[in-house]
C-alpha cells in the first residue's frame, strides 16, 4: 500500500508526455507551441483533444492520490502545528488538482467562458495557493523532525524554484511541473522507507 504514493507523479508525467505526443498537432491548432507558447492551453488543453478523457481521469486519480499521500505523510511526521497545517494544505492541493477535471475552455474561442472552464481556472489558481504554502510549511515540519530534517532545505529550495515558474509561465512551466513531481516522488520514497 505504501508504494501507491509513488505512482501519482509517475502516472501524471507519463500521461502528460504521451498525450502531448499523440495530440501534438491538435495542441498546435489551439495556439500551443513547445518553446514559444508552452503554457498556451497546455496541459489542460489535453483534455480537449483525442483521448481527452484520459487527462480528465488523470487529474482526478493523481489529485486523489495526492490527498491520500498528504494523510499518510501526516501520520509519518512528528505531531505539531507545521505537520497538521502542511499536510492539510497538501490534501487541499490534491483536491484542487482533482478539480482540474472540470474541462477547460480553449483560450482562443468565439464563445463565452463556460461554467466548467471557470471552475477549471479557479482550481488551477487554488492549486497554486495551497501547494506552495503546503511545501513551505512542510519544510518546517521536516526541520522539526529528526527523521525528515534533511528534506527541509530541499523542500524550500524546490519552492523557490517552482513558485516563480508557476506565475511566469513560458518554458519555466516545464520546470515547475518537473520539480513538483520530483519533490512528491522524493518525499514519497522517504515515506516508503
Protein backbone atom coordinates (compact mmCIF):
# COMPACT_ATOMS: atom_id res chain seq x y z
CA UNK A 1 0.00 0.00 0.00
CA UNK A 2 2.89 2.38 0.71
CA UNK A 3 4.05 2.15 -2.91
CA UNK A 4 0.79 3.62 -4.24
CA UNK A 5 2.03 7.13 -3.45
CA UNK A 6 4.97 6.62 -5.80
CA UNK A 7 2.55 6.08 -8.69
CA UNK A 8 0.91 9.53 -8.73
CA UNK A 9 3.82 11.65 -10.04
CA UNK A 10 4.92 8.95 -12.48
CA UNK A 11 1.38 8.49 -13.80
CA UNK A 12 0.89 12.23 -14.24
CA UNK A 13 4.20 12.63 -16.10
CA UNK A 14 3.60 9.60 -18.32
CA UNK A 15 0.11 10.73 -19.33
CA UNK A 16 1.29 14.29 -19.93
CA UNK A 17 4.13 13.22 -22.22
CA UNK A 18 2.10 10.57 -24.05
CA UNK A 19 -0.94 12.76 -24.69
CA UNK A 20 1.27 15.67 -25.75
CA UNK A 21 2.90 13.48 -28.38
CA UNK A 22 -0.40 11.96 -29.52
CA UNK A 23 -2.14 15.36 -29.65
CA UNK A 24 0.81 17.42 -30.88
CA UNK A 25 -0.93 18.79 -34.00
CA UNK A 26 -4.15 19.41 -32.05
CA UNK A 27 -2.24 21.38 -29.41
CA UNK A 28 -0.58 23.45 -32.14
CA UNK A 29 -4.06 24.23 -33.52
CA UNK A 30 -5.03 25.60 -30.09
CA UNK A 31 -2.10 28.02 -30.17
CA UNK A 32 0.31 25.97 -28.09
CA UNK A 33 3.97 25.75 -29.05
CA UNK A 34 6.50 23.71 -27.04
CA UNK A 35 9.02 26.59 -26.91
CA UNK A 36 7.24 29.84 -27.73
CA UNK A 37 3.89 29.26 -26.02
CA UNK A 38 4.30 26.21 -23.75
CA UNK A 39 1.51 27.11 -21.35
CA UNK A 40 -0.99 28.13 -24.00
CA UNK A 41 -3.78 25.63 -23.31
CA UNK A 42 -1.25 23.09 -22.03
CA UNK A 43 -1.50 20.79 -20.18
CA UNK A 44 -5.22 21.35 -19.55
CA UNK A 45 -5.99 21.51 -23.26
CA UNK A 46 -5.04 17.85 -23.48
CA UNK A 47 -8.50 17.11 -22.05
CA UNK A 48 -10.00 18.74 -25.16
CA UNK A 49 -8.20 16.54 -27.66
CA UNK A 50 -8.27 12.94 -28.73
CA UNK A 51 -8.23 10.70 -25.66
CA UNK A 52 -9.05 13.76 -23.54
CA UNK A 53 -10.90 11.57 -21.09
CA UNK A 54 -7.52 10.10 -20.11
CA UNK A 55 -6.27 13.54 -19.00
CA UNK A 56 -9.51 14.13 -17.12
CA UNK A 57 -9.22 10.80 -15.29
CA UNK A 58 -5.54 11.51 -14.60
CA UNK A 59 -6.40 14.82 -12.92
CA UNK A 60 -8.90 13.01 -10.68
CA UNK A 61 -6.71 10.00 -9.85
CA UNK A 62 -3.50 11.94 -9.21
CA UNK A 63 -5.37 14.55 -7.19
CA UNK A 64 -6.93 11.85 -5.03
CA UNK A 65 -3.53 10.18 -4.62
CA UNK A 66 -2.01 13.49 -3.54
CA UNK A 67 -4.71 13.95 -0.90
CA UNK A 68 -4.20 10.39 0.37
CA UNK A 69 -0.45 10.95 0.30
CA UNK A 70 -0.93 14.04 2.50
CA UNK A 71 -2.83 11.94 5.04
CA UNK A 72 -0.12 9.27 5.07
CA UNK A 73 2.57 11.95 5.37
CA UNK A 74 0.75 13.42 8.38
CA UNK A 75 0.91 10.01 10.06
CA UNK A 76 4.64 9.77 9.30
CA UNK A 77 5.60 13.15 10.80
CA UNK A 78 6.04 14.33 14.37
CA UNK A 79 2.71 15.75 15.52
CA UNK A 80 2.70 19.54 15.58
CA UNK A 81 1.25 22.68 14.08
CA UNK A 82 3.51 22.57 10.99
CA UNK A 83 2.73 18.94 10.20
CA UNK A 84 -1.02 19.48 10.63
CA UNK A 85 -1.14 22.68 8.58
CA UNK A 86 1.30 21.47 5.91
CA UNK A 87 -0.43 18.17 5.27
CA UNK A 88 -3.88 19.81 5.35
CA UNK A 89 -2.77 22.28 2.69
CA UNK A 90 -1.25 19.45 0.66
CA UNK A 91 -4.51 17.50 0.88
CA UNK A 92 -6.38 20.59 -0.34
CA UNK A 93 -3.90 20.95 -3.22
CA UNK A 94 -4.74 17.36 -4.15
CA UNK A 95 -8.45 18.19 -4.19
CA UNK A 96 -7.80 21.20 -6.44
CA UNK A 97 -5.65 19.05 -8.73
CA UNK A 98 -8.57 16.64 -8.99
CA UNK A 99 -10.91 19.57 -9.70
CA UNK A 100 -8.88 20.37 -12.81
CA UNK A 101 -11.05 17.62 -14.29
CA UNK A 102 -13.61 20.36 -14.95
CA UNK A 103 -12.89 20.79 -18.65
CA UNK A 104 -11.02 23.95 -19.57
CA UNK A 105 -12.12 26.36 -22.27
CA UNK A 106 -9.77 26.92 -25.19
CA UNK A 107 -8.12 30.33 -24.89
CA UNK A 108 -8.97 31.20 -28.49
CA UNK A 109 -12.73 30.81 -28.92
CA UNK A 110 -15.77 32.66 -30.22
CA UNK A 111 -17.99 31.69 -27.31
CA UNK A 112 -18.19 32.98 -23.74
CA UNK A 113 -16.41 31.15 -20.93
CA UNK A 114 -18.28 28.12 -19.64
CA UNK A 115 -19.02 27.35 -16.01
CA UNK A 116 -16.70 24.34 -16.12
CA UNK A 117 -13.95 26.41 -17.74
CA UNK A 118 -14.22 28.95 -14.94
CA UNK A 119 -14.12 26.19 -12.32
CA UNK A 120 -11.05 24.74 -14.02
CA UNK A 121 -9.26 28.11 -13.96
CA UNK A 122 -10.24 28.70 -10.32
CA UNK A 123 -8.99 25.22 -9.39
CA UNK A 124 -5.64 25.96 -11.03
CA UNK A 125 -5.25 29.17 -9.01
CA UNK A 126 -6.28 27.41 -5.78
CA UNK A 127 -3.84 24.59 -6.53
CA UNK A 128 -1.00 27.10 -6.54
CA UNK A 129 -2.34 28.91 -3.47
CA UNK A 130 -2.36 25.68 -1.46
CA UNK A 131 0.58 23.72 -2.88
CA UNK A 132 3.27 26.37 -2.32
CA UNK A 133 2.25 27.20 1.26
CA UNK A 134 1.97 23.43 1.93
CA UNK A 135 5.56 22.93 0.82
CA UNK A 136 6.83 25.91 2.82
CA UNK A 137 5.08 24.73 6.00
CA UNK A 138 6.13 21.12 5.40
CA UNK A 139 9.71 22.37 5.24
CA UNK A 140 9.27 23.48 8.87
CA UNK A 141 7.63 20.17 9.77
CA UNK A 142 10.59 18.33 8.21
CA UNK A 143 13.08 20.56 10.04
CA UNK A 144 11.37 19.79 13.36
CA UNK A 145 11.51 16.02 12.80
CA UNK A 146 14.92 14.34 13.02
CA UNK A 147 13.91 11.65 10.52
CA UNK A 148 12.96 14.25 7.88
CA UNK A 149 15.36 17.07 8.72
CA UNK A 150 17.48 16.75 5.57
CA UNK A 151 14.40 17.28 3.36
CA UNK A 152 13.67 20.76 4.78
CA UNK A 153 16.25 22.61 2.67
CA UNK A 154 15.36 20.53 -0.40
CA UNK A 155 11.67 21.39 0.06
CA UNK A 156 12.32 25.12 0.45
CA UNK A 157 14.72 25.04 -2.50
CA UNK A 158 12.05 23.40 -4.61
CA UNK A 159 9.51 26.07 -3.64
CA UNK A 160 11.96 28.85 -4.50
CA UNK A 161 12.42 27.25 -7.92
CA UNK A 162 8.81 26.39 -8.73
CA UNK A 163 6.86 29.35 -7.35
CA UNK A 164 8.22 31.83 -9.90
CA UNK A 165 7.86 29.25 -12.70
CA UNK A 166 4.17 28.80 -11.80
CA UNK A 167 3.48 32.51 -12.26
CA UNK A 168 5.97 33.41 -15.00
CA UNK A 169 4.70 30.71 -17.35
CA UNK A 170 6.63 30.18 -20.55
CA UNK A 171 9.18 27.39 -20.73
CA UNK A 172 9.72 27.79 -16.97
CA UNK A 173 6.40 25.99 -16.53
CA UNK A 174 8.11 22.75 -17.54
CA UNK A 175 10.50 23.34 -14.62
CA UNK A 176 7.52 23.84 -12.31
CA UNK A 177 5.88 20.57 -13.31
CA UNK A 178 9.10 18.54 -13.24
CA UNK A 179 10.27 19.94 -9.89
CA UNK A 180 6.91 19.43 -8.16
CA UNK A 181 6.59 15.88 -9.47
CA UNK A 182 10.16 15.13 -8.39
CA UNK A 183 9.56 16.61 -4.91
CA UNK A 184 6.45 14.45 -4.49
CA UNK A 185 8.40 11.38 -5.56
CA UNK A 186 11.32 12.11 -3.20
CA UNK A 187 9.01 12.64 -0.22
CA UNK A 188 7.00 9.51 -1.12
CA UNK A 189 10.23 7.48 -1.32
CA UNK A 190 11.23 8.72 2.14
CA UNK A 191 7.80 7.88 3.47
CA UNK A 192 8.06 4.40 1.99
CA UNK A 193 11.42 3.76 3.67
